[in-house]
Amino acid sequence: MATIEQKGMYKVFPRSGKNVSFTHYCPGCGHGIINKLIAEACAELGLQDRTIFVDPVGCGVFTYYYWDAAHISAAHGRASAAATGVCRARPDAVTIAYQGDGDLGAIGFNNAFQAASRGEKFGCIFVNNSLYGMTGGQMAPTTLDGETTTTTPFGRDPALTGHPLHVCEVFAQLQAPVYIARVSVADTRRIMQAKKAIRKVFEIQRDGKGYALLEILAPCPTNFKMDPLKAADFCMNEMEREFPLGVFRDEEAREPLAARPVPRASSCRDLFVEKDAVLPAVDDAAFAEKRFKFAGYGGQGILSLGLCVAEAARLERRHTLWFPSYGPEQRGGSANCSVVVSGTPIGSPTVEHPDVLVCMNQPAYERFAGDVKRGGTVIVDETVPVKTDPPDGVRLIRWPAIKMAEEFGVPKAANTMMLAALKKFKCTGLSDDNLEKSLVASFKKKPALGEKNRELLRLAEAREHS
């Protein structure tokens, strides 16, 4: 249990509206010891101001009340995914994900495994007490064969539920991790070994060495239905037989991986323009970020229209992201995509409140028009019955995209007609030349169609608009 003198911990913990000097953990719980060791390592290494902890759902959920450092709370099983974002956005930080065996071993396993496979530069401290502790002691992936839990009252049966998951052994098959180890906090000698291992995880992150996984076997007296001494014995005698302590990978001495260049924020696929023909994005704080949403039916060219705008931005060396969303139907189902164009690196591809919304059908208008920012623009096909006005301060343009495409004898070119509207009404902040180049390049396998669509684009743009 924590004390008010503990280094690296707050002096009091303001939980439940009261300032207390004790943690929420049950007597004899391994989490309390582990929290103390982590706080000590962080403080003794002078890393409190650099450390960002990613807190889990589970018994460790309240660590932000205890550790005197920065914190981010993640959804159940997603601590490794959140830590990936943190260490990429803040490579100068010491990022530590704290996860339990249900959290990492079950719902979060793929997140954690893929992060380890990529060699993300964060440390994962994984607490294994062989069950789901916070929610009542259900079977977890790490539950021992024959172990009694609330969901295995007669003991875990491998024929029904398989055998315990050995996380360290599985992760040790990967090439990228630099450190993988398993320790325990069941007695004093083991606690001292755990303290050294925890320090090592912090040091690896301090030095930017790469991914580190430390599994810690911990007693859970409440759910084991044992007193603390018997729970510690169970941890040493039963759990360690299934999960042997030791170091599975220690390559800390190897040189850090060569610094990976920050990927250029570009469209999801380099579909249109050859990669070598476009230089990386250049930061330009003077270019205001613009967020677009394109929506309609599958088959109307919605995704391609968004890609045209994203590729035009890429030609101008802007940061840009394209993010599609569509149902299982290839044709006729709803489809939309988001595009973000910015003068600086982009944090998220999602667009909840677009500056520009392009709608090709009524469901798209009804779903997204109310989300457009004040001062933004909605371009909707003229065939769509607009039964409600967009929000105050939002410009509405009704544009005959489908009608013009039919008049020009190319019904499939309705998305090109919409691109003409974006160009005509200066909605993108991008040059006309690059919008045209991107459109033509989208037909690189059929050059004649590219030039035909350029011609249609110009004809549509010249059309008078009432």
Protein backbone atom coordinates (compact mmCIF):
# COMPACT_ATOMS: atom_id res chain seq x y z
CA MET A 1 0.00 0.00 0.00
CA ALA A 2 1.19 3.51 -0.75
CA THR A 3 2.28 5.93 1.96
CA ILE A 4 2.28 9.70 1.83
CA GLU A 5 6.11 9.72 1.83
CA GLN A 6 6.34 7.50 -1.25
CA LYS A 7 8.59 9.00 -3.92
CA GLY A 8 6.88 9.56 -7.24
CA MET A 9 3.41 9.44 -5.72
CA TYR A 10 1.11 12.26 -4.74
CA LYS A 11 0.94 12.92 -1.03
CA VAL A 12 -2.80 12.41 -0.97
CA PHE A 13 -5.18 10.70 -3.39
CA PRO A 14 -8.39 12.67 -4.08
CA ARG A 15 -10.65 9.72 -4.76
CA SER A 16 -14.42 9.77 -4.22
CA GLY A 17 -14.33 13.46 -3.31
CA LYS A 18 -12.01 12.89 -0.35
CA ASN A 19 -8.25 13.20 0.11
CA VAL A 20 -6.96 9.86 1.37
CA SER A 21 -3.47 8.46 1.81
CA PHE A 22 -4.22 4.85 0.91
CA THR A 23 -4.90 3.17 -2.42
CA HIS A 24 -8.07 1.33 -3.42
CA TYR A 25 -6.32 -2.03 -3.69
CA CYS A 26 -7.32 -4.96 -1.49
CA PRO A 27 -4.94 -6.03 1.33
CA GLY A 28 -2.20 -8.25 -0.10
CA CYS A 29 -2.89 -7.23 -3.70
CA GLY A 30 0.18 -7.19 -5.91
CA HIS A 31 -0.90 -3.98 -7.63
CA GLY A 32 -0.11 -1.89 -4.54
CA ILE A 33 3.48 -3.17 -4.45
CA ILE A 34 3.88 -2.72 -8.21
CA ASN A 35 2.54 0.82 -8.06
CA LYS A 36 5.10 1.65 -5.38
CA LEU A 37 7.97 0.17 -7.41
CA ILE A 38 6.92 2.04 -10.55
CA ALA A 39 6.66 5.33 -8.66
CA GLU A 40 10.10 4.82 -7.13
CA ALA A 41 11.74 3.96 -10.45
CA CYS A 42 10.17 6.95 -12.19
CA ALA A 43 11.23 9.36 -9.43
CA GLU A 44 14.69 7.95 -8.77
CA LEU A 45 15.58 8.11 -12.46
CA GLY A 46 14.36 11.71 -12.61
CA LEU A 47 11.77 10.91 -15.28
CA GLN A 48 8.56 12.21 -13.72
CA ASP A 49 8.41 15.27 -15.96
CA ARG A 50 9.01 13.14 -19.07
CA THR A 51 6.76 10.19 -18.27
CA ILE A 52 3.29 9.64 -19.71
CA PHE A 53 1.41 6.69 -18.24
CA VAL A 54 -1.41 5.06 -20.20
CA ASP A 55 -3.87 3.74 -17.64
CA PRO A 56 -6.09 0.71 -18.28
CA VAL A 57 -9.57 -0.42 -17.40
CA GLY A 58 -9.27 -2.89 -14.53
CA CYS A 59 -7.76 -2.86 -11.06
CA GLY A 60 -5.11 -0.38 -12.24
CA VAL A 61 -7.68 2.13 -13.49
CA PHE A 62 -7.00 4.68 -10.72
CA THR A 63 -3.24 4.98 -11.11
CA TYR A 64 -3.70 8.59 -12.21
CA TYR A 65 -4.67 9.34 -8.62
CA TYR A 66 -1.39 7.88 -7.37
CA TRP A 67 1.57 8.44 -9.72
CA ASP A 68 2.84 11.99 -9.91
CA ALA A 69 3.26 12.17 -13.69
CA ALA A 70 1.19 12.71 -16.84
CA HIS A 71 -1.62 10.23 -17.58
CA ILE A 72 -3.95 9.16 -20.37
CA SER A 73 -6.83 6.76 -19.71
CA ALA A 74 -7.51 4.15 -22.39
CA ALA A 75 -10.57 2.06 -23.16
CA HIS A 76 -10.57 -1.58 -22.12
CA GLY A 77 -7.79 -3.43 -23.93
CA ARG A 78 -6.62 -0.35 -25.80
CA ALA A 79 -3.75 0.86 -23.61
CA SER A 80 -1.15 -0.42 -26.10
CA ALA A 81 -2.97 1.29 -28.97
CA ALA A 82 -3.14 4.56 -27.02
CA ALA A 83 0.52 4.22 -26.03
CA THR A 84 1.42 3.83 -29.70
CA GLY A 85 -0.21 7.18 -30.41
CA VAL A 86 1.51 8.80 -27.43
CA CYS A 87 5.03 7.62 -28.24
CA ARG A 88 4.66 8.62 -31.89
CA ALA A 89 3.24 12.05 -31.08
CA ARG A 90 5.72 12.61 -28.23
CA PRO A 91 8.93 10.71 -29.07
CA ASP A 92 10.70 12.70 -26.36
CA ALA A 93 8.45 11.25 -23.66
CA VAL A 94 8.89 8.10 -21.60
CA THR A 95 5.67 6.22 -22.39
CA ILE A 96 4.50 3.41 -20.12
CA ALA A 97 1.35 1.34 -20.66
CA TYR A 98 0.01 -0.41 -17.56
CA GLN A 99 -2.23 -3.41 -18.29
CA GLY A 100 -3.75 -6.43 -16.61
CA ASP A 101 -4.01 -9.99 -17.90
CA GLY A 102 -7.66 -9.72 -18.89
CA ASP A 103 -7.04 -6.30 -20.43
CA LEU A 104 -3.96 -7.31 -22.44
CA GLY A 105 -4.40 -11.06 -22.77
CA ALA A 106 -8.00 -11.02 -24.02
CA ILE A 107 -9.64 -8.00 -25.65
CA GLY A 108 -6.36 -6.10 -26.02
CA PHE A 109 -4.09 -8.92 -27.17
CA ASN A 110 -3.90 -7.97 -30.84
CA ASN A 111 -3.29 -4.30 -30.00
CA ALA A 112 -0.41 -5.26 -27.72
CA PHE A 113 1.01 -7.94 -30.02
CA GLN A 114 1.02 -5.70 -33.08
CA ALA A 115 2.59 -2.82 -31.13
CA ALA A 116 5.34 -5.18 -30.01
CA SER A 117 5.76 -6.48 -33.55
CA ARG A 118 6.24 -2.91 -34.81
CA GLY A 119 8.72 -2.17 -32.06
CA GLU A 120 6.83 0.85 -30.78
CA LYS A 121 8.93 2.83 -28.34
CA PHE A 122 7.03 2.35 -25.13
CA GLY A 123 7.19 0.06 -22.15
CA CYS A 124 4.32 -2.26 -21.28
CA ILE A 125 4.02 -3.36 -17.66
CA PHE A 126 1.68 -6.33 -17.68
CA VAL A 127 0.21 -7.52 -14.36
CA ASN A 128 -0.80 -11.19 -14.36
CA ASN A 129 -2.91 -12.37 -11.45
CA SER A 130 -4.52 -15.20 -13.50
CA LEU A 131 -8.07 -13.76 -13.59
CA TYR A 132 -10.25 -10.71 -14.07
CA GLY A 133 -9.77 -9.01 -10.72
CA MET A 134 -11.95 -5.90 -10.74
CA THR A 135 -15.11 -7.44 -12.16
CA GLY A 136 -15.46 -10.38 -9.79
CA GLY A 137 -12.77 -12.96 -10.52
CA GLN A 138 -13.82 -14.44 -13.85
CA MET A 139 -11.56 -16.70 -15.91
CA ALA A 140 -8.92 -14.81 -17.91
CA PRO A 141 -6.65 -16.05 -20.72
CA THR A 142 -3.99 -16.63 -18.04
CA THR A 143 -6.16 -18.69 -15.67
CA LEU A 144 -4.36 -21.91 -14.75
CA ASP A 145 -5.60 -25.33 -15.79
CA GLY A 146 -7.93 -26.49 -13.01
CA GLU A 147 -8.04 -23.05 -11.34
CA THR A 148 -11.39 -22.15 -9.82
CA THR A 149 -12.91 -18.80 -10.81
CA THR A 150 -16.45 -17.42 -10.82
CA THR A 151 -16.87 -18.62 -14.41
CA THR A 152 -15.01 -21.91 -13.90
CA PRO A 153 -16.47 -23.09 -10.56
CA PHE A 154 -15.18 -26.63 -11.15
CA GLY A 155 -11.79 -25.46 -12.39
CA ARG A 156 -10.61 -24.43 -15.83
CA ASP A 157 -11.05 -27.30 -18.28
CA PRO A 158 -8.54 -27.12 -21.17
CA ALA A 159 -10.86 -29.23 -23.34
CA LEU A 160 -13.44 -26.44 -23.16
CA THR A 161 -11.44 -23.25 -22.76
CA GLY A 162 -7.91 -24.08 -23.83
CA HIS A 163 -4.71 -23.68 -21.85
CA PRO A 164 -3.26 -20.54 -20.21
CA LEU A 165 -1.84 -17.91 -22.56
CA HIS A 166 1.91 -17.39 -22.15
CA VAL A 167 2.30 -13.78 -23.22
CA CYS A 168 6.07 -13.43 -22.80
CA GLU A 169 6.74 -16.61 -24.71
CA VAL A 170 4.46 -15.51 -27.56
CA PHE A 171 5.96 -12.02 -27.75
CA ALA A 172 9.48 -13.46 -27.63
CA GLN A 173 8.92 -14.85 -31.14
CA LEU A 174 8.83 -11.29 -32.51
CA GLN A 175 11.91 -9.58 -33.85
CA ALA A 176 11.37 -6.00 -32.71
CA PRO A 177 11.14 -6.04 -28.87
CA VAL A 178 14.39 -5.28 -27.08
CA TYR A 179 13.39 -6.54 -23.64
CA ILE A 180 10.89 -9.19 -22.50
CA ALA A 181 10.90 -10.53 -18.95
CA ARG A 182 8.69 -12.06 -16.26
CA VAL A 183 9.07 -11.30 -12.56
CA SER A 184 6.94 -11.65 -9.43
CA VAL A 185 6.08 -9.63 -6.30
CA ALA A 186 5.15 -12.59 -4.09
CA ASP A 187 8.01 -12.18 -1.58
CA THR A 188 10.80 -9.75 -0.70
CA ARG A 189 13.49 -11.32 -2.91
CA ARG A 190 11.15 -11.34 -5.89
CA ILE A 191 10.08 -7.76 -5.20
CA MET A 192 13.71 -6.60 -5.38
CA GLN A 193 14.14 -8.41 -8.71
CA ALA A 194 10.94 -6.79 -9.95
CA LYS A 195 12.23 -3.35 -8.95
CA LYS A 196 15.37 -3.84 -11.07
CA ALA A 197 13.30 -5.00 -14.02
CA ILE A 198 10.93 -2.02 -13.75
CA ARG A 199 13.89 0.36 -13.66
CA LYS A 200 15.22 -1.35 -16.77
CA VAL A 201 11.93 -0.72 -18.60
CA PHE A 202 12.14 2.98 -17.74
CA GLU A 203 15.79 3.18 -18.78
CA ILE A 204 15.04 1.57 -22.14
CA GLN A 205 12.35 4.16 -22.79
CA ARG A 206 14.51 6.99 -21.49
CA ASP A 207 17.18 6.03 -24.02
CA GLY A 208 14.75 5.43 -26.89
CA LYS A 209 15.84 1.80 -27.31
CA GLY A 210 12.48 0.34 -28.32
CA TYR A 211 9.65 -1.84 -27.10
CA ALA A 212 9.86 -3.51 -23.68
CA LEU A 213 7.41 -5.94 -22.06
CA LEU A 214 7.58 -6.76 -18.38
CA GLU A 215 5.11 -9.33 -17.06
CA ILE A 216 4.64 -9.29 -13.28
CA LEU A 217 2.98 -12.20 -11.47
CA ALA A 218 0.87 -10.79 -8.66
CA PRO A 219 -1.31 -12.33 -5.92
CA CYS A 220 -5.02 -11.50 -5.76
CA PRO A 221 -6.17 -12.63 -2.29
CA THR A 222 -9.78 -11.48 -2.71
CA ASN A 223 -10.47 -13.45 -5.87
CA PHE A 224 -8.19 -16.34 -4.94
CA LYS A 225 -10.35 -16.49 -1.76
CA MET A 226 -7.20 -16.81 0.33
CA ASP A 227 -5.48 -14.74 2.97
CA PRO A 228 -2.49 -12.70 1.71
CA LEU A 229 0.12 -15.28 2.78
CA LYS A 230 -1.63 -18.17 1.05
CA ALA A 231 -2.22 -16.00 -2.02
CA ALA A 232 1.50 -15.26 -2.17
CA ASP A 233 2.25 -18.98 -1.85
CA PHE A 234 -0.18 -19.72 -4.70
CA CYS A 235 1.60 -17.13 -6.82
CA MET A 236 5.02 -18.70 -6.13
CA ASN A 237 4.12 -22.38 -6.21
CA GLU A 238 1.30 -22.62 -8.75
CA MET A 239 1.56 -19.61 -11.03
CA GLU A 240 5.35 -19.77 -11.39
CA ARG A 241 5.13 -23.41 -12.37
CA GLU A 242 2.92 -22.40 -15.30
CA PHE A 243 4.67 -19.07 -15.91
CA PRO A 244 8.40 -19.46 -15.17
CA LEU A 245 10.26 -16.31 -14.14
CA GLY A 246 13.13 -15.11 -16.28
CA VAL A 247 14.36 -12.91 -19.09
CA PHE A 248 13.16 -13.97 -22.53
CA ARG A 249 14.82 -11.18 -24.53
CA ASP A 250 17.46 -8.64 -23.55
CA GLU A 251 18.94 -6.72 -26.43
CA GLU A 252 19.19 -3.40 -24.68
CA ALA A 253 22.85 -3.21 -25.64
CA ARG A 254 22.06 -3.16 -29.35
CA GLU A 255 22.08 0.15 -31.11
CA PRO A 256 18.71 1.90 -31.24
CA LEU A 257 16.79 1.39 -34.45
CA ALA A 258 17.58 4.03 -37.00
CA ALA A 259 15.22 6.94 -36.53
CA ARG A 260 12.22 6.32 -38.70
CA PRO A 261 11.19 9.40 -40.64
CA VAL A 262 7.80 10.70 -39.63
CA PRO A 263 5.53 9.45 -42.39
CA ARG A 264 4.19 12.09 -44.70
CA ALA A 265 0.50 12.57 -44.01
CA SER A 266 -0.93 11.64 -47.36
CA SER A 267 -3.94 9.93 -48.78
CA CYS A 268 -4.48 6.30 -47.82
CA ARG A 269 -3.23 4.99 -51.15
CA ASP A 270 -0.95 6.56 -53.73
CA LEU A 271 -3.48 5.71 -56.40
CA PHE A 272 -3.12 8.62 -58.73
CA VAL A 273 0.34 10.12 -58.88
CA GLU A 274 3.57 8.15 -58.88
CA LYS A 275 5.20 8.29 -55.44
CA ASP A 276 8.48 9.67 -56.75
CA ALA A 277 6.67 12.53 -58.46
CA VAL A 278 5.52 14.10 -55.20
CA LEU A 279 7.77 15.56 -52.53
CA PRO A 280 7.01 15.20 -48.81
CA ALA A 281 4.64 17.63 -47.14
CA VAL A 282 6.06 20.94 -45.97
CA ASP A 283 4.89 22.63 -42.78
CA ASP A 284 3.08 25.92 -43.41
CA ALA A 285 1.34 27.30 -40.34
CA ALA A 286 -0.26 30.02 -42.46
CA PHE A 287 -2.37 27.43 -44.30
CA ALA A 288 -5.53 26.91 -42.26
CA GLU A 289 -6.67 23.33 -41.85
CA LYS A 290 -9.76 22.37 -43.82
CA ARG A 291 -11.92 19.33 -43.17
CA PHE A 292 -14.13 17.77 -45.82
CA LYS A 293 -16.86 15.17 -45.81
CA PHE A 294 -18.03 13.53 -49.05
CA ALA A 295 -21.15 11.37 -48.81
CA GLY A 296 -23.64 9.53 -51.00
CA TYR A 297 -24.34 6.06 -52.36
CA GLY A 298 -21.72 3.48 -53.23
CA GLY A 299 -21.13 3.66 -56.97
CA GLN A 300 -21.43 7.47 -57.20
CA GLY A 301 -17.68 7.98 -57.05
CA ILE A 302 -17.75 9.45 -53.55
CA LEU A 303 -14.47 7.88 -52.43
CA SER A 304 -12.72 8.82 -55.68
CA LEU A 305 -13.90 12.41 -55.30
CA GLY A 306 -12.35 12.58 -51.86
CA LEU A 307 -9.15 11.07 -53.18
CA CYS A 308 -8.96 13.72 -55.89
CA VAL A 309 -8.99 16.47 -53.28
CA ALA A 310 -6.47 14.62 -51.08
CA GLU A 311 -4.13 14.02 -54.02
CA ALA A 312 -4.38 17.65 -55.13
CA ALA A 313 -3.32 18.64 -51.61
CA ARG A 314 -0.44 16.21 -51.78
CA LEU A 315 0.69 17.78 -55.04
CA GLU A 316 0.83 21.10 -53.19
CA ARG A 317 2.92 19.49 -50.45
CA ARG A 318 0.19 19.91 -47.85
CA HIS A 319 -0.39 17.42 -45.08
CA THR A 320 -3.47 15.44 -46.02
CA LEU A 321 -5.41 12.37 -44.92
CA TRP A 322 -8.19 10.45 -46.66
CA PHE A 323 -10.39 8.15 -44.59
CA PRO A 324 -13.17 6.07 -46.21
CA SER A 325 -16.26 4.57 -44.63
CA TYR A 326 -18.77 2.35 -46.38
CA GLY A 327 -21.11 -0.55 -45.79
CA PRO A 328 -20.72 -4.11 -47.09
CA GLU A 329 -22.54 -3.26 -50.31
CA GLN A 330 -20.35 -2.48 -53.31
CA ARG A 331 -23.16 -0.57 -55.00
CA GLY A 332 -26.17 1.22 -53.60
CA GLY A 333 -25.18 1.27 -49.95
CA SER A 334 -24.19 4.39 -48.09
CA ALA A 335 -20.61 5.55 -48.52
CA ASN A 336 -18.64 8.50 -47.27
CA CYS A 337 -15.09 9.62 -46.83
CA SER A 338 -13.31 12.26 -44.81
CA VAL A 339 -10.43 14.37 -46.07
CA VAL A 340 -8.26 16.64 -43.97
CA VAL A 341 -5.91 19.16 -45.57
CA SER A 342 -3.53 21.09 -43.35
CA GLY A 343 -0.36 23.14 -43.29
CA THR A 344 0.83 21.22 -40.23
CA PRO A 345 0.85 17.52 -39.22
CA ILE A 346 -2.63 16.08 -38.70
CA GLY A 347 -3.61 14.38 -35.47
CA SER A 348 -6.69 12.47 -36.60
CA PRO A 349 -8.33 11.51 -39.90
CA THR A 350 -11.85 11.64 -38.49
CA VAL A 351 -14.05 14.58 -39.49
CA GLU A 352 -16.94 15.23 -37.13
CA HIS A 353 -17.56 18.86 -38.04
CA PRO A 354 -16.58 19.50 -41.66
CA ASP A 355 -15.81 22.85 -43.21
CA VAL A 356 -17.14 21.52 -46.50
CA LEU A 357 -19.80 18.85 -46.97
CA VAL A 358 -20.59 17.35 -50.38
CA CYS A 359 -23.82 15.33 -50.53
CA MET A 360 -24.94 13.23 -53.46
CA ASN A 361 -28.17 11.93 -51.89
CA GLN A 362 -30.81 12.76 -49.30
CA PRO A 363 -29.66 10.34 -46.54
CA ALA A 364 -26.19 11.91 -46.67
CA TYR A 365 -27.62 15.40 -46.33
CA GLU A 366 -29.88 14.44 -43.45
CA ARG A 367 -27.08 12.66 -41.65
CA PHE A 368 -24.26 15.19 -41.98
CA ALA A 369 -25.64 18.67 -42.78
CA GLY A 370 -26.26 19.52 -39.13
CA ASP A 371 -22.60 18.90 -38.29
CA VAL A 372 -21.09 21.50 -40.64
CA LYS A 373 -19.13 24.27 -38.96
CA ARG A 374 -20.45 27.80 -38.89
CA GLY A 375 -18.96 29.58 -41.89
CA GLY A 376 -18.76 26.29 -43.78
CA THR A 377 -20.31 25.15 -47.03
CA VAL A 378 -22.74 22.39 -48.02
CA ILE A 379 -22.86 21.39 -51.68
CA VAL A 380 -25.82 19.13 -52.37
CA ASP A 381 -26.99 17.63 -55.63
CA GLU A 382 -29.97 19.45 -57.07
CA THR A 383 -32.04 16.24 -57.09
CA VAL A 384 -31.92 16.00 -53.29
CA PRO A 385 -35.04 17.38 -51.55
CA VAL A 386 -33.70 19.72 -48.87
CA LYS A 387 -36.37 19.56 -46.18
CA THR A 388 -34.33 21.25 -43.46
CA ASP A 389 -31.93 24.14 -43.70
CA PRO A 390 -28.31 23.70 -42.70
CA PRO A 391 -27.16 25.38 -39.45
CA ASP A 392 -27.04 29.16 -39.23
CA GLY A 393 -24.01 30.62 -40.91
CA VAL A 394 -23.57 27.69 -43.31
CA ARG A 395 -23.71 28.34 -47.05
CA LEU A 396 -25.94 25.97 -49.05
CA ILE A 397 -25.21 25.36 -52.72
CA ARG A 398 -27.59 23.21 -54.76
CA TRP A 399 -25.64 21.94 -57.75
CA PRO A 400 -26.96 19.91 -60.74
CA ALA A 401 -24.13 17.37 -60.76
CA ILE A 402 -26.20 14.33 -61.76
CA LYS A 403 -28.20 16.31 -64.34
CA MET A 404 -25.08 17.75 -65.99
CA ALA A 405 -23.38 14.37 -66.14
CA GLU A 406 -26.42 12.98 -67.94
CA GLU A 407 -26.59 15.96 -70.29
CA PHE A 408 -22.92 15.48 -71.20
CA GLY A 409 -23.65 11.81 -71.95
CA VAL A 410 -21.44 10.49 -69.12
CA PRO A 411 -23.74 9.66 -66.16
CA LYS A 412 -20.84 8.19 -64.18
CA ALA A 413 -19.12 11.59 -64.17
CA ALA A 414 -21.38 13.09 -61.49
CA ASN A 415 -18.46 13.13 -59.08
CA THR A 416 -16.43 15.12 -61.61
CA MET A 417 -19.33 17.59 -61.71
CA MET A 418 -19.08 17.91 -57.92
CA LEU A 419 -15.35 18.52 -58.20
CA ALA A 420 -16.24 21.33 -60.62
CA ALA A 421 -18.44 22.86 -57.92
CA LEU A 422 -15.62 22.68 -55.36
CA LYS A 423 -13.34 24.38 -57.89
CA LYS A 424 -15.90 26.98 -59.03
CA PHE A 425 -16.86 28.09 -55.51
CA LYS A 426 -13.27 28.05 -54.17
CA CYS A 427 -14.05 25.55 -51.40
CA THR A 428 -10.74 23.69 -51.14
CA GLY A 429 -8.01 26.29 -50.72
CA LEU A 430 -6.09 24.36 -53.37
CA SER A 431 -5.00 25.48 -56.82
CA ASP A 432 -7.21 24.84 -59.83
CA ASP A 433 -4.24 23.38 -61.67
CA ASN A 434 -3.58 20.71 -59.05
CA LEU A 435 -7.25 19.80 -58.79
CA GLU A 436 -7.25 19.17 -62.55
CA LYS A 437 -3.97 17.27 -62.44
CA SER A 438 -5.30 15.03 -59.69
CA LEU A 439 -8.49 14.36 -61.64
CA VAL A 440 -6.58 13.41 -64.80
CA ALA A 441 -4.14 11.26 -62.84
CA SER A 442 -7.06 9.31 -61.33
CA PHE A 443 -7.56 7.84 -64.80
CA LYS A 444 -3.89 6.99 -65.32
CA LYS A 445 -4.80 3.54 -66.66
CA LYS A 446 -7.19 5.16 -69.15
CA PRO A 447 -5.56 8.44 -70.23
CA ALA A 448 -8.29 9.25 -72.76
CA LEU A 449 -10.88 9.22 -69.96
CA GLY A 450 -8.67 11.52 -67.90
CA GLU A 451 -8.63 14.18 -70.62
CA LYS A 452 -12.35 13.68 -71.23
CA ASN A 453 -13.09 14.32 -67.56
CA ARG A 454 -10.88 17.40 -67.55
CA GLU A 455 -12.97 18.73 -70.44
CA LEU A 456 -16.21 17.91 -68.59
CA LEU A 457 -14.86 19.56 -65.44
CA ARG A 458 -14.23 22.81 -67.29
CA LEU A 459 -17.61 22.72 -69.02
CA ALA A 460 -19.38 22.20 -65.69
CA GLU A 461 -17.40 24.94 -64.00
CA ALA A 462 -18.40 27.37 -66.74
CA ARG A 463 -22.10 26.56 -66.25
CA GLU A 464 -24.08 29.47 -64.83
CA HIS A 465 -25.42 28.85 -61.35
CA SER A 466 -28.63 30.40 -60.08
